[in-house]
Each structure stands twice: as C-alpha cells, then as structure tokens.
C-alpha cells in the first residue's frame, strides 16, 4: 500500500487515518486491547483413565485409539504412562477435578 499525502494534515487527522486503516496504529506504538481469559486444561490423569477405559472396552490398540483421537502414538503413550505414578499422588491430582468434566462430551461419544 502506497500512501500519498497532499497538503497539510493535523496530527489528529493522521492518527485517525492510521487508526482506521491499521486498527490501532497511532504512529508511535501499536496498541492492542485483548481480554485475558484464564486458560483451562483437562486433568491429564482423568484423560488417561478415559483413554485406558476406551482401550479396554473397545478392545482398541494404542495405534487405533491414537488415530481416532487424532493424537500421536507417542503422546498417547506419554499420557497413559501417567497412570503408573504413586496412587497417593494420583488421588491428589484426581481430587483437583476436571474443569471440562461437565461441559464436554465424553471421548467415547466423540469417537462413534
């Protein structure tokens, strides 16, 4: 984009032009106002338990389950290995809850 300015423009006119064209560029700095929302992640231990149950119920191999879930086999293995941690630690982590437990459909429903 080539901008040719003819005549004399005030600072406010230039700032208004740049704001309308570039969405917030004032000539000095770019300003972005974005609402910061805290991110929520699934409890990985809860996910591991779900995936293990799917493998047992559906008699799927890890490769088949990874393909269905669209994750790599390595990632599936990493998550499943979390089930090997000390039971006391696992109970503490599970007690933290799963923020998406009520809002998301179970993985088994999404696969079908």
Protein backbone atom coordinates (compact mmCIF):
# COMPACT_ATOMS: atom_id res chain seq x y z
CA UNK A 1 0.00 0.00 0.00
CA UNK A 2 1.39 3.37 -1.01
CA UNK A 3 0.15 6.41 0.87
CA UNK A 4 0.49 9.79 -0.74
CA UNK A 5 -0.47 12.74 1.46
CA UNK A 6 -1.00 16.07 -0.14
CA UNK A 7 -1.49 19.26 1.76
CA UNK A 8 -1.15 19.78 5.43
CA UNK A 9 -2.82 17.33 7.83
CA UNK A 10 -3.06 17.76 11.56
CA UNK A 11 -1.73 15.15 13.96
CA UNK A 12 -5.26 14.12 14.91
CA UNK A 13 -6.22 13.58 11.27
CA UNK A 14 -3.15 11.41 10.67
CA UNK A 15 -3.79 9.43 13.86
CA UNK A 16 -7.44 8.95 12.89
CA UNK A 17 -6.43 7.74 9.42
CA UNK A 18 -3.87 5.24 10.75
CA UNK A 19 -6.29 4.02 13.40
CA UNK A 20 -8.98 3.33 10.80
CA UNK A 21 -6.59 1.66 8.35
CA UNK A 22 -4.29 -0.26 10.69
CA UNK A 23 -6.62 -0.87 13.62
CA UNK A 24 -4.96 0.95 16.46
CA UNK A 25 -1.68 2.16 14.99
CA UNK A 26 -1.14 5.70 16.19
CA UNK A 27 2.18 6.43 14.56
CA UNK A 28 4.11 5.83 17.79
CA UNK A 29 3.14 2.41 19.06
CA UNK A 30 0.68 -0.33 18.27
CA UNK A 31 -1.97 -0.79 20.87
CA UNK A 32 -3.91 -3.99 21.21
CA UNK A 33 -6.60 -4.48 23.76
CA UNK A 34 -7.42 -8.10 24.26
CA UNK A 35 -9.33 -9.59 27.10
CA UNK A 36 -7.16 -12.02 29.01
CA UNK A 37 -9.05 -15.13 29.98
CA UNK A 38 -7.55 -17.79 32.19
CA UNK A 39 -6.98 -20.96 30.20
CA UNK A 40 -8.45 -24.19 31.40
CA UNK A 41 -6.93 -27.55 30.71
CA UNK A 42 -8.27 -31.03 31.22
CA UNK A 43 -6.91 -33.02 34.12
CA UNK A 44 -4.45 -35.24 32.28
CA UNK A 45 -4.84 -38.09 34.73
CA UNK A 46 -8.61 -38.09 34.10
CA UNK A 47 -7.92 -38.14 30.37
CA UNK A 48 -5.52 -41.07 30.82
CA UNK A 49 -8.19 -43.01 32.72
CA UNK A 50 -10.73 -42.31 29.96
CA UNK A 51 -8.32 -43.45 27.27
CA UNK A 52 -7.42 -46.63 29.15
CA UNK A 53 -11.12 -47.42 29.60
CA UNK A 54 -11.70 -46.88 25.88
CA UNK A 55 -8.90 -49.29 25.05
CA UNK A 56 -10.32 -51.93 27.39
CA UNK A 57 -13.97 -51.50 26.39
CA UNK A 58 -13.44 -51.12 22.67
CA UNK A 59 -10.55 -53.54 22.51
CA UNK A 60 -8.56 -50.96 20.57
CA UNK A 61 -4.82 -50.92 20.22
CA UNK A 62 -2.89 -47.79 21.12
CA UNK A 63 -2.32 -47.04 17.45
CA UNK A 64 -6.04 -47.32 16.64
CA UNK A 65 -7.02 -45.14 19.58
CA UNK A 66 -4.39 -42.53 18.69
CA UNK A 67 -5.72 -42.42 15.14
CA UNK A 68 -9.30 -41.99 16.39
CA UNK A 69 -8.35 -39.27 18.87
CA UNK A 70 -6.07 -37.54 16.35
CA UNK A 71 -3.06 -37.54 18.65
CA UNK A 72 0.33 -39.09 18.04
CA UNK A 73 1.05 -42.56 19.37
CA UNK A 74 3.90 -41.08 21.38
CA UNK A 75 1.58 -38.58 23.08
CA UNK A 76 -0.94 -41.32 23.83
CA UNK A 77 1.83 -43.39 25.42
CA UNK A 78 3.04 -40.42 27.48
CA UNK A 79 -0.44 -39.78 28.86
CA UNK A 80 -1.05 -43.46 29.61
CA UNK A 81 2.26 -43.67 31.49
CA UNK A 82 0.88 -41.13 33.96
CA UNK A 83 -1.25 -43.96 35.33
CA UNK A 84 1.95 -45.54 36.69
CA UNK A 85 2.56 -42.81 39.28
CA UNK A 86 2.17 -43.42 43.00
CA UNK A 87 -1.52 -43.99 43.91
CA UNK A 88 -1.44 -41.32 46.63
CA UNK A 89 -0.15 -38.73 44.17
CA UNK A 90 -2.71 -39.84 41.58
CA UNK A 91 -5.54 -39.50 44.10
CA UNK A 92 -4.40 -35.97 44.93
CA UNK A 93 -4.30 -34.99 41.27
CA UNK A 94 -7.70 -36.54 40.53
CA UNK A 95 -9.12 -34.69 43.55
CA UNK A 96 -8.27 -31.41 41.80
CA UNK A 97 -11.10 -32.18 39.41
CA UNK A 98 -11.52 -31.83 35.70
CA UNK A 99 -12.72 -28.38 34.56
CA UNK A 100 -14.28 -29.77 31.38
CA UNK A 101 -15.93 -32.75 33.01
CA UNK A 102 -19.46 -31.37 32.70
CA UNK A 103 -19.11 -29.28 29.54
CA UNK A 104 -17.50 -31.77 27.13
CA UNK A 105 -18.96 -34.91 25.69
CA UNK A 106 -17.07 -37.99 26.80
CA UNK A 107 -14.38 -39.10 24.38
CA UNK A 108 -16.27 -42.34 23.70
CA UNK A 109 -19.23 -40.36 22.31
CA UNK A 110 -17.00 -38.32 20.01
CA UNK A 111 -15.32 -41.39 18.51
CA UNK A 112 -18.54 -43.04 17.35
